[in-house]
Amino acid sequence: TRRWIEGACDALAVDATPALNDIDR
Protein backbone atom coordinates (compact mmCIF):
# COMPACT_ATOMS: atom_id res chain seq x y z
CA THR A 1 0.00 0.00 0.00
CA ARG A 2 2.86 2.35 0.85
CA ARG A 3 4.53 1.68 -2.52
CA TRP A 4 1.24 2.21 -4.38
CA ILE A 5 0.56 5.53 -2.58
CA GLU A 6 4.10 6.76 -3.24
CA GLY A 7 3.82 5.89 -6.93
CA ALA A 8 0.40 7.46 -7.33
CA CYS A 9 1.42 10.62 -5.49
CA ASP A 10 4.64 10.90 -7.52
CA ALA A 11 2.66 10.56 -10.76
CA LEU A 12 0.18 13.21 -9.63
CA ALA A 13 2.85 15.45 -8.07
CA VAL A 14 1.06 15.60 -4.71
CA ASP A 15 2.34 15.19 -1.16
CA ALA A 16 2.04 11.60 0.05
CA THR A 17 2.90 12.44 3.67
CA PRO A 18 -0.64 12.38 5.14
CA ALA A 19 -1.43 9.00 3.57
CA LEU A 20 1.97 7.56 4.52
CA ASN A 21 1.49 8.74 8.11
CA ASP A 22 -1.86 6.96 8.18
CA ILE A 23 -0.24 3.74 6.92
CA ASP A 24 2.47 4.04 9.58
CA ARG A 25 -0.16 4.50 12.32
mmCIF file of all heavy atoms, coordinates in Angstrom:
data_MODEL
# 
_entry.id   MODEL 
# 
loop_
_atom_site.group_PDB 
_atom_site.id 
_atom_site.type_symbol 
_atom_site.label_atom_id 
_atom_site.label_alt_id 
_atom_site.label_comp_id 
_atom_site.label_asym_id 
_atom_site.label_entity_id 
_atom_site.label_seq_id 
_atom_site.pdbx_PDB_ins_code 
_atom_site.Cartn_x 
_atom_site.Cartn_y 
_atom_site.Cartn_z 
_atom_site.occupancy 
_atom_site.B_iso_or_equiv 
_atom_site.pdbx_formal_charge 
_atom_site.auth_seq_id 
_atom_site.auth_comp_id 
_atom_site.auth_asym_id 
_atom_site.auth_atom_id 
_atom_site.pdbx_PDB_model_num 
ATOM 1   N N   . THR A 1 1  ? 0.846  -1.201 0.000   1.00 0.00 ? 1  THR A N   1 
ATOM 2   C CA  . THR A 1 1  ? 0.000  0.000  0.000   1.00 0.00 ? 1  THR A CA  1 
ATOM 3   C C   . THR A 1 1  ? 0.874  1.242  0.000   1.00 0.00 ? 1  THR A C   1 
ATOM 4   O O   . THR A 1 1  ? 0.617  2.197  -0.735  1.00 0.00 ? 1  THR A O   1 
ATOM 5   C CB  . THR A 1 1  ? -0.937 0.007  1.229   1.00 0.00 ? 1  THR A CB  1 
ATOM 6   O OG1 . THR A 1 1  ? -1.772 -1.156 1.166   1.00 0.00 ? 1  THR A OG1 1 
ATOM 7   C CG2 . THR A 1 1  ? -1.791 1.258  1.271   1.00 0.00 ? 1  THR A CG2 1 
ATOM 8   N N   . ARG A 1 2  ? 1.922  1.214  0.793   1.00 0.00 ? 2  ARG A N   1 
ATOM 9   C CA  . ARG A 1 2  ? 2.857  2.348  0.846   1.00 0.00 ? 2  ARG A CA  1 
ATOM 10  C C   . ARG A 1 2  ? 3.477  2.599  -0.536  1.00 0.00 ? 2  ARG A C   1 
ATOM 11  O O   . ARG A 1 2  ? 3.508  3.739  -1.014  1.00 0.00 ? 2  ARG A O   1 
ATOM 12  C CB  . ARG A 1 2  ? 3.935  2.064  1.889   1.00 0.00 ? 2  ARG A CB  1 
ATOM 13  C CG  . ARG A 1 2  ? 4.883  3.201  2.096   1.00 0.00 ? 2  ARG A CG  1 
ATOM 14  C CD  . ARG A 1 2  ? 5.909  2.866  3.192   1.00 0.00 ? 2  ARG A CD  1 
ATOM 15  N NE  . ARG A 1 2  ? 6.601  4.055  3.557   1.00 0.00 ? 2  ARG A NE  1 
ATOM 16  C CZ  . ARG A 1 2  ? 6.165  4.976  4.403   1.00 0.00 ? 2  ARG A CZ  1 
ATOM 17  N NH1 . ARG A 1 2  ? 5.016  4.812  5.018   1.00 0.00 ? 2  ARG A NH1 1 
ATOM 18  N NH2 . ARG A 1 2  ? 6.860  6.064  4.655   1.00 0.00 ? 2  ARG A NH2 1 
ATOM 19  N N   . ARG A 1 3  ? 3.925  1.534  -1.186  1.00 0.00 ? 3  ARG A N   1 
ATOM 20  C CA  . ARG A 1 3  ? 4.528  1.684  -2.521  1.00 0.00 ? 3  ARG A CA  1 
ATOM 21  C C   . ARG A 1 3  ? 3.511  2.223  -3.531  1.00 0.00 ? 3  ARG A C   1 
ATOM 22  O O   . ARG A 1 3  ? 3.840  3.056  -4.378  1.00 0.00 ? 3  ARG A O   1 
ATOM 23  C CB  . ARG A 1 3  ? 5.126  0.365  -2.992  1.00 0.00 ? 3  ARG A CB  1 
ATOM 24  C CG  . ARG A 1 3  ? 6.445  0.034  -2.293  1.00 0.00 ? 3  ARG A CG  1 
ATOM 25  C CD  . ARG A 1 3  ? 7.151  -1.183 -2.873  1.00 0.00 ? 3  ARG A CD  1 
ATOM 26  N NE  . ARG A 1 3  ? 6.648  -2.450 -2.381  1.00 0.00 ? 3  ARG A NE  1 
ATOM 27  C CZ  . ARG A 1 3  ? 6.841  -2.925 -1.144  1.00 0.00 ? 3  ARG A CZ  1 
ATOM 28  N NH1 . ARG A 1 3  ? 7.517  -2.216 -0.265  1.00 0.00 ? 3  ARG A NH1 1 
ATOM 29  N NH2 . ARG A 1 3  ? 6.373  -4.090 -0.794  1.00 0.00 ? 3  ARG A NH2 1 
ATOM 30  N N   . TRP A 1 4  ? 2.266  1.755  -3.450  1.00 0.00 ? 4  TRP A N   1 
ATOM 31  C CA  . TRP A 1 4  ? 1.243  2.209  -4.379  1.00 0.00 ? 4  TRP A CA  1 
ATOM 32  C C   . TRP A 1 4  ? 0.962  3.695  -4.165  1.00 0.00 ? 4  TRP A C   1 
ATOM 33  O O   . TRP A 1 4  ? 0.875  4.464  -5.122  1.00 0.00 ? 4  TRP A O   1 
ATOM 34  C CB  . TRP A 1 4  ? -0.039 1.385  -4.197  1.00 0.00 ? 4  TRP A CB  1 
ATOM 35  C CG  . TRP A 1 4  ? -1.108 1.776  -5.160  1.00 0.00 ? 4  TRP A CG  1 
ATOM 36  C CD1 . TRP A 1 4  ? -1.229 1.393  -6.464  1.00 0.00 ? 4  TRP A CD1 1 
ATOM 37  C CD2 . TRP A 1 4  ? -2.198 2.668  -4.893  1.00 0.00 ? 4  TRP A CD2 1 
ATOM 38  N NE1 . TRP A 1 4  ? -2.331 1.988  -7.022  1.00 0.00 ? 4  TRP A NE1 1 
ATOM 39  C CE2 . TRP A 1 4  ? -2.944 2.773  -6.083  1.00 0.00 ? 4  TRP A CE2 1 
ATOM 40  C CE3 . TRP A 1 4  ? -2.611 3.367  -3.768  1.00 0.00 ? 4  TRP A CE3 1 
ATOM 41  C CZ2 . TRP A 1 4  ? -4.086 3.561  -6.181  1.00 0.00 ? 4  TRP A CZ2 1 
ATOM 42  C CZ3 . TRP A 1 4  ? -3.752 4.154  -3.861  1.00 0.00 ? 4  TRP A CZ3 1 
ATOM 43  C CH2 . TRP A 1 4  ? -4.473 4.245  -5.064  1.00 0.00 ? 4  TRP A CH2 1 
ATOM 44  N N   . ILE A 1 5  ? 0.819  4.111  -2.899  1.00 0.00 ? 5  ILE A N   1 
ATOM 45  C CA  . ILE A 1 5  ? 0.558  5.525  -2.575  1.00 0.00 ? 5  ILE A CA  1 
ATOM 46  C C   . ILE A 1 5  ? 1.711  6.404  -3.064  1.00 0.00 ? 5  ILE A C   1 
ATOM 47  O O   . ILE A 1 5  ? 1.494  7.451  -3.678  1.00 0.00 ? 5  ILE A O   1 
ATOM 48  C CB  . ILE A 1 5  ? 0.336  5.723  -1.057  1.00 0.00 ? 5  ILE A CB  1 
ATOM 49  C CG1 . ILE A 1 5  ? -0.966 5.071  -0.616  1.00 0.00 ? 5  ILE A CG1 1 
ATOM 50  C CG2 . ILE A 1 5  ? 0.397  7.189  -0.655  1.00 0.00 ? 5  ILE A CG2 1 
ATOM 51  C CD1 . ILE A 1 5  ? -2.227 5.750  -1.109  1.00 0.00 ? 5  ILE A CD1 1 
ATOM 52  N N   . GLU A 1 6  ? 2.935  5.975  -2.800  1.00 0.00 ? 6  GLU A N   1 
ATOM 53  C CA  . GLU A 1 6  ? 4.100  6.760  -3.244  1.00 0.00 ? 6  GLU A CA  1 
ATOM 54  C C   . GLU A 1 6  ? 4.109  6.911  -4.758  1.00 0.00 ? 6  GLU A C   1 
ATOM 55  O O   . GLU A 1 6  ? 4.340  8.007  -5.282  1.00 0.00 ? 6  GLU A O   1 
ATOM 56  C CB  . GLU A 1 6  ? 5.395  6.104  -2.762  1.00 0.00 ? 6  GLU A CB  1 
ATOM 57  C CG  . GLU A 1 6  ? 5.612  6.235  -1.273  1.00 0.00 ? 6  GLU A CG  1 
ATOM 58  C CD  . GLU A 1 6  ? 6.761  5.388  -0.745  1.00 0.00 ? 6  GLU A CD  1 
ATOM 59  O OE1 . GLU A 1 6  ? 7.148  4.390  -1.394  1.00 0.00 ? 6  GLU A OE1 1 
ATOM 60  O OE2 . GLU A 1 6  ? 7.267  5.726  0.345   1.00 0.00 ? 6  GLU A OE2 1 
ATOM 61  N N   . GLY A 1 7  ? 3.845  5.829  -5.464  1.00 0.00 ? 7  GLY A N   1 
ATOM 62  C CA  . GLY A 1 7  ? 3.819  5.885  -6.927  1.00 0.00 ? 7  GLY A CA  1 
ATOM 63  C C   . GLY A 1 7  ? 2.709  6.767  -7.453  1.00 0.00 ? 7  GLY A C   1 
ATOM 64  O O   . GLY A 1 7  ? 2.922  7.574  -8.372  1.00 0.00 ? 7  GLY A O   1 
ATOM 65  N N   . ALA A 1 8  ? 1.525  6.640  -6.880  1.00 0.00 ? 8  ALA A N   1 
ATOM 66  C CA  . ALA A 1 8  ? 0.396  7.456  -7.326  1.00 0.00 ? 8  ALA A CA  1 
ATOM 67  C C   . ALA A 1 8  ? 0.650  8.927  -7.040  1.00 0.00 ? 8  ALA A C   1 
ATOM 68  O O   . ALA A 1 8  ? 0.391  9.795  -7.882  1.00 0.00 ? 8  ALA A O   1 
ATOM 69  C CB  . ALA A 1 8  ? -0.895 6.991  -6.655  1.00 0.00 ? 8  ALA A CB  1 
ATOM 70  N N   . CYS A 1 9  ? 1.161  9.224  -5.848  1.00 0.00 ? 9  CYS A N   1 
ATOM 71  C CA  . CYS A 1 9  ? 1.420  10.621 -5.489  1.00 0.00 ? 9  CYS A CA  1 
ATOM 72  C C   . CYS A 1 9  ? 2.545  11.215 -6.326  1.00 0.00 ? 9  CYS A C   1 
ATOM 73  O O   . CYS A 1 9  ? 2.485  12.389 -6.701  1.00 0.00 ? 9  CYS A O   1 
ATOM 74  C CB  . CYS A 1 9  ? 1.705  10.742 -3.993  1.00 0.00 ? 9  CYS A CB  1 
ATOM 75  S SG  . CYS A 1 9  ? 0.216  10.486 -2.990  1.00 0.00 ? 9  CYS A SG  1 
ATOM 76  N N   . ASP A 1 10 ? 3.572  10.427 -6.634  1.00 0.00 ? 10 ASP A N   1 
ATOM 77  C CA  . ASP A 1 10 ? 4.640  10.899 -7.523  1.00 0.00 ? 10 ASP A CA  1 
ATOM 78  C C   . ASP A 1 10 ? 4.072  11.230 -8.898  1.00 0.00 ? 10 ASP A C   1 
ATOM 79  O O   . ASP A 1 10 ? 4.381  12.275 -9.472  1.00 0.00 ? 10 ASP A O   1 
ATOM 80  C CB  . ASP A 1 10 ? 5.746  9.849  -7.663  1.00 0.00 ? 10 ASP A CB  1 
ATOM 81  C CG  . ASP A 1 10 ? 6.662  9.797  -6.458  1.00 0.00 ? 10 ASP A CG  1 
ATOM 82  O OD1 . ASP A 1 10 ? 6.603  10.716 -5.606  1.00 0.00 ? 10 ASP A OD1 1 
ATOM 83  O OD2 . ASP A 1 10 ? 7.439  8.817  -6.365  1.00 0.00 ? 10 ASP A OD2 1 
ATOM 84  N N   . ALA A 1 11 ? 3.233  10.347 -9.421  1.00 0.00 ? 11 ALA A N   1 
ATOM 85  C CA  . ALA A 1 11 ? 2.663  10.556 -10.757 1.00 0.00 ? 11 ALA A CA  1 
ATOM 86  C C   . ALA A 1 11 ? 1.765  11.789 -10.790 1.00 0.00 ? 11 ALA A C   1 
ATOM 87  O O   . ALA A 1 11 ? 1.694  12.477 -11.812 1.00 0.00 ? 11 ALA A O   1 
ATOM 88  C CB  . ALA A 1 11 ? 1.871  9.320  -11.183 1.00 0.00 ? 11 ALA A CB  1 
ATOM 89  N N   . LEU A 1 12 ? 1.093  12.059 -9.684  1.00 0.00 ? 12 LEU A N   1 
ATOM 90  C CA  . LEU A 1 12 ? 0.184  13.207 -9.631  1.00 0.00 ? 12 LEU A CA  1 
ATOM 91  C C   . LEU A 1 12 ? 0.836  14.459 -9.063  1.00 0.00 ? 12 LEU A C   1 
ATOM 92  O O   . LEU A 1 12 ? 0.195  15.508 -8.979  1.00 0.00 ? 12 LEU A O   1 
ATOM 93  C CB  . LEU A 1 12 ? -1.043 12.849 -8.787  1.00 0.00 ? 12 LEU A CB  1 
ATOM 94  C CG  . LEU A 1 12 ? -1.900 11.704 -9.330  1.00 0.00 ? 12 LEU A CG  1 
ATOM 95  C CD1 . LEU A 1 12 ? -2.937 11.281 -8.302  1.00 0.00 ? 12 LEU A CD1 1 
ATOM 96  C CD2 . LEU A 1 12 ? -2.553 12.114 -10.642 1.00 0.00 ? 12 LEU A CD2 1 
ATOM 97  N N   . ALA A 1 13 ? 2.101  14.336 -8.649  1.00 0.00 ? 13 ALA A N   1 
ATOM 98  C CA  . ALA A 1 13 ? 2.852  15.451 -8.067  1.00 0.00 ? 13 ALA A CA  1 
ATOM 99  C C   . ALA A 1 13 ? 2.135  16.044 -6.852  1.00 0.00 ? 13 ALA A C   1 
ATOM 100 O O   . ALA A 1 13 ? 1.960  17.262 -6.726  1.00 0.00 ? 13 ALA A O   1 
ATOM 101 C CB  . ALA A 1 13 ? 3.137  16.525 -9.120  1.00 0.00 ? 13 ALA A CB  1 
ATOM 102 N N   . VAL A 1 14 ? 1.694  15.149 -5.950  1.00 0.00 ? 14 VAL A N   1 
ATOM 103 C CA  . VAL A 1 14 ? 1.063  15.603 -4.707  1.00 0.00 ? 14 VAL A CA  1 
ATOM 104 C C   . VAL A 1 14 ? 1.825  15.007 -3.527  1.00 0.00 ? 14 VAL A C   1 
ATOM 105 O O   . VAL A 1 14 ? 2.544  14.018 -3.656  1.00 0.00 ? 14 VAL A O   1 
ATOM 106 C CB  . VAL A 1 14 ? -0.436 15.209 -4.623  1.00 0.00 ? 14 VAL A CB  1 
ATOM 107 C CG1 . VAL A 1 14 ? -1.231 15.894 -5.718  1.00 0.00 ? 14 VAL A CG1 1 
ATOM 108 C CG2 . VAL A 1 14 ? -0.624 13.714 -4.693  1.00 0.00 ? 14 VAL A CG2 1 
ATOM 109 N N   . ASP A 1 15 ? 1.647  15.616 -2.375  1.00 0.00 ? 15 ASP A N   1 
ATOM 110 C CA  . ASP A 1 15 ? 2.339  15.191 -1.160  1.00 0.00 ? 15 ASP A CA  1 
ATOM 111 C C   . ASP A 1 15 ? 1.719  13.914 -0.600  1.00 0.00 ? 15 ASP A C   1 
ATOM 112 O O   . ASP A 1 15 ? 0.521  13.871 -0.290  1.00 0.00 ? 15 ASP A O   1 
ATOM 113 C CB  . ASP A 1 15 ? 2.262  16.315 -0.125  1.00 0.00 ? 15 ASP A CB  1 
ATOM 114 C CG  . ASP A 1 15 ? 3.001  16.001 1.156   1.00 0.00 ? 15 ASP A CG  1 
ATOM 115 O OD1 . ASP A 1 15 ? 3.835  15.063 1.165   1.00 0.00 ? 15 ASP A OD1 1 
ATOM 116 O OD2 . ASP A 1 15 ? 2.747  16.696 2.159   1.00 0.00 ? 15 ASP A OD2 1 
ATOM 117 N N   . ALA A 1 16 ? 2.514  12.890 -0.455  1.00 0.00 ? 16 ALA A N   1 
ATOM 118 C CA  . ALA A 1 16 ? 2.044  11.603 0.053   1.00 0.00 ? 16 ALA A CA  1 
ATOM 119 C C   . ALA A 1 16 ? 2.083  11.521 1.570   1.00 0.00 ? 16 ALA A C   1 
ATOM 120 O O   . ALA A 1 16 ? 1.590  10.547 2.145   1.00 0.00 ? 16 ALA A O   1 
ATOM 121 C CB  . ALA A 1 16 ? 2.908  10.479 -0.540  1.00 0.00 ? 16 ALA A CB  1 
ATOM 122 N N   . THR A 1 17 ? 2.655  12.510 2.230   1.00 0.00 ? 17 THR A N   1 
ATOM 123 C CA  . THR A 1 17 ? 2.897  12.439 3.671   1.00 0.00 ? 17 THR A CA  1 
ATOM 124 C C   . THR A 1 17 ? 1.660  12.083 4.501   1.00 0.00 ? 17 THR A C   1 
ATOM 125 O O   . THR A 1 17 ? 1.741  11.193 5.355   1.00 0.00 ? 17 THR A O   1 
ATOM 126 C CB  . THR A 1 17 ? 3.531  13.747 4.174   1.00 0.00 ? 17 THR A CB  1 
ATOM 127 O OG1 . THR A 1 17 ? 4.733  13.985 3.425   1.00 0.00 ? 17 THR A OG1 1 
ATOM 128 C CG2 . THR A 1 17 ? 3.853  13.681 5.651   1.00 0.00 ? 17 THR A CG2 1 
ATOM 129 N N   . PRO A 1 18 ? 0.519  12.730 4.305   1.00 0.00 ? 18 PRO A N   1 
ATOM 130 C CA  . PRO A 1 18 ? -0.639 12.375 5.143   1.00 0.00 ? 18 PRO A CA  1 
ATOM 131 C C   . PRO A 1 18 ? -1.043 10.900 4.997   1.00 0.00 ? 18 PRO A C   1 
ATOM 132 O O   . PRO A 1 18 ? -1.312 10.227 5.997   1.00 0.00 ? 18 PRO A O   1 
ATOM 133 C CB  . PRO A 1 18 ? -1.752 13.310 4.646   1.00 0.00 ? 18 PRO A CB  1 
ATOM 134 C CG  . PRO A 1 18 ? -1.038 14.456 4.015   1.00 0.00 ? 18 PRO A CG  1 
ATOM 135 C CD  . PRO A 1 18 ? 0.216  13.869 3.428   1.00 0.00 ? 18 PRO A CD  1 
ATOM 136 N N   . ALA A 1 19 ? -1.059 10.409 3.800   1.00 0.00 ? 19 ALA A N   1 
ATOM 137 C CA  . ALA A 1 19 ? -1.432 9.002  3.574   1.00 0.00 ? 19 ALA A CA  1 
ATOM 138 C C   . ALA A 1 19 ? -0.378 8.070  4.143   1.00 0.00 ? 19 ALA A C   1 
ATOM 139 O O   . ALA A 1 19 ? -0.710 7.047  4.753   1.00 0.00 ? 19 ALA A O   1 
ATOM 140 C CB  . ALA A 1 19 ? -1.628 8.736  2.086   1.00 0.00 ? 19 ALA A CB  1 
ATOM 141 N N   . LEU A 1 20 ? 0.893  8.395  3.988   1.00 0.00 ? 20 LEU A N   1 
ATOM 142 C CA  . LEU A 1 20 ? 1.968  7.556  4.517   1.00 0.00 ? 20 LEU A CA  1 
ATOM 143 C C   . LEU A 1 20 ? 1.948  7.544  6.041   1.00 0.00 ? 20 LEU A C   1 
ATOM 144 O O   . LEU A 1 20 ? 2.209  6.507  6.664   1.00 0.00 ? 20 LEU A O   1 
ATOM 145 C CB  . LEU A 1 20 ? 3.324  8.014  3.985   1.00 0.00 ? 20 LEU A CB  1 
ATOM 146 C CG  . LEU A 1 20 ? 3.496  7.921  2.466   1.00 0.00 ? 20 LEU A CG  1 
ATOM 147 C CD1 . LEU A 1 20 ? 4.865  8.452  2.048   1.00 0.00 ? 20 LEU A CD1 1 
ATOM 148 C CD2 . LEU A 1 20 ? 3.292  6.505  1.970   1.00 0.00 ? 20 LEU A CD2 1 
ATOM 149 N N   . ASN A 1 21 ? 1.621  8.690  6.649   1.00 0.00 ? 21 ASN A N   1 
ATOM 150 C CA  . ASN A 1 21 ? 1.494  8.740  8.111   1.00 0.00 ? 21 ASN A CA  1 
ATOM 151 C C   . ASN A 1 21 ? 0.359  7.845  8.587   1.00 0.00 ? 21 ASN A C   1 
ATOM 152 O O   . ASN A 1 21 ? 0.470  7.178  9.626   1.00 0.00 ? 21 ASN A O   1 
ATOM 153 C CB  . ASN A 1 21 ? 1.276  10.178 8.589   1.00 0.00 ? 21 ASN A CB  1 
ATOM 154 C CG  . ASN A 1 21 ? 2.529  11.020 8.468   1.00 0.00 ? 21 ASN A CG  1 
ATOM 155 O OD1 . ASN A 1 21 ? 3.641  10.506 8.357   1.00 0.00 ? 21 ASN A OD1 1 
ATOM 156 N ND2 . ASN A 1 21 ? 2.343  12.335 8.463   1.00 0.00 ? 21 ASN A ND2 1 
ATOM 157 N N   . ASP A 1 22 ? -0.737 7.822  7.836   1.00 0.00 ? 22 ASP A N   1 
ATOM 158 C CA  . ASP A 1 22 ? -1.863 6.959  8.180   1.00 0.00 ? 22 ASP A CA  1 
ATOM 159 C C   . ASP A 1 22 ? -1.458 5.482  8.099   1.00 0.00 ? 22 ASP A C   1 
ATOM 160 O O   . ASP A 1 22 ? -1.792 4.687  8.986   1.00 0.00 ? 22 ASP A O   1 
ATOM 161 C CB  . ASP A 1 22 ? -3.050 7.241  7.252   1.00 0.00 ? 22 ASP A CB  1 
ATOM 162 C CG  . ASP A 1 22 ? -4.278 6.468  7.656   1.00 0.00 ? 22 ASP A CG  1 
ATOM 163 O OD1 . ASP A 1 22 ? -4.650 6.493  8.848   1.00 0.00 ? 22 ASP A OD1 1 
ATOM 164 O OD2 . ASP A 1 22 ? -4.877 5.815  6.772   1.00 0.00 ? 22 ASP A OD2 1 
ATOM 165 N N   . ILE A 1 23 ? -0.732 5.120  7.062   1.00 0.00 ? 23 ILE A N   1 
ATOM 166 C CA  . ILE A 1 23 ? -0.244 3.736  6.919   1.00 0.00 ? 23 ILE A CA  1 
ATOM 167 C C   . ILE A 1 23 ? 0.671  3.379  8.084   1.00 0.00 ? 23 ILE A C   1 
ATOM 168 O O   . ILE A 1 23 ? 0.565  2.294  8.666   1.00 0.00 ? 23 ILE A O   1 
ATOM 169 C CB  . ILE A 1 23 ? 0.474  3.545  5.568   1.00 0.00 ? 23 ILE A CB  1 
ATOM 170 C CG1 . ILE A 1 23 ? -0.521 3.691  4.415   1.00 0.00 ? 23 ILE A CG1 1 
ATOM 171 C CG2 . ILE A 1 23 ? 1.173  2.179  5.507   1.00 0.00 ? 23 ILE A CG2 1 
ATOM 172 C CD1 . ILE A 1 23 ? 0.127  3.829  3.048   1.00 0.00 ? 23 ILE A CD1 1 
ATOM 173 N N   . ASP A 1 24 ? 1.558  4.291  8.450   1.00 0.00 ? 24 ASP A N   1 
ATOM 174 C CA  . ASP A 1 24 ? 2.472  4.045  9.576   1.00 0.00 ? 24 ASP A CA  1 
ATOM 175 C C   . ASP A 1 24 ? 1.712  3.851  10.889  1.00 0.00 ? 24 ASP A C   1 
ATOM 176 O O   . ASP A 1 24 ? 2.059  2.984  11.688  1.00 0.00 ? 24 ASP A O   1 
ATOM 177 C CB  . ASP A 1 24 ? 3.489  5.175  9.704   1.00 0.00 ? 24 ASP A CB  1 
ATOM 178 C CG  . ASP A 1 24 ? 4.500  5.192  8.564   1.00 0.00 ? 24 ASP A CG  1 
ATOM 179 O OD1 . ASP A 1 24 ? 4.647  4.152  7.877   1.00 0.00 ? 24 ASP A OD1 1 
ATOM 180 O OD2 . ASP A 1 24 ? 5.129  6.241  8.353   1.00 0.00 ? 24 ASP A OD2 1 
ATOM 181 N N   . ARG A 1 25 ? 0.663  4.655  11.110  1.00 0.00 ? 25 ARG A N   1 
ATOM 182 C CA  . ARG A 1 25 ? -0.157 4.500  12.320  1.00 0.00 ? 25 ARG A CA  1 
ATOM 183 C C   . ARG A 1 25 ? -0.823 3.119  12.342  1.00 0.00 ? 25 ARG A C   1 
ATOM 184 O O   . ARG A 1 25 ? -0.835 2.442  13.377  1.00 0.00 ? 25 ARG A O   1 
ATOM 185 C CB  . ARG A 1 25 ? -1.221 5.592  12.400  1.00 0.00 ? 25 ARG A CB  1 
ATOM 186 C CG  . ARG A 1 25 ? -0.739 6.885  13.006  1.00 0.00 ? 25 ARG A CG  1 
ATOM 187 C CD  . ARG A 1 25 ? -1.898 7.835  13.303  1.00 0.00 ? 25 ARG A CD  1 
ATOM 188 N NE  . ARG A 1 25 ? -2.659 8.219  12.119  1.00 0.00 ? 25 ARG A NE  1 
ATOM 189 C CZ  . ARG A 1 25 ? -2.299 9.176  11.260  1.00 0.00 ? 25 ARG A CZ  1 
ATOM 190 N NH1 . ARG A 1 25 ? -1.188 9.858  11.461  1.00 0.00 ? 25 ARG A NH1 1 
ATOM 191 N NH2 . ARG A 1 25 ? -3.050 9.468  10.221  1.00 0.00 ? 25 ARG A NH2 1 
# 
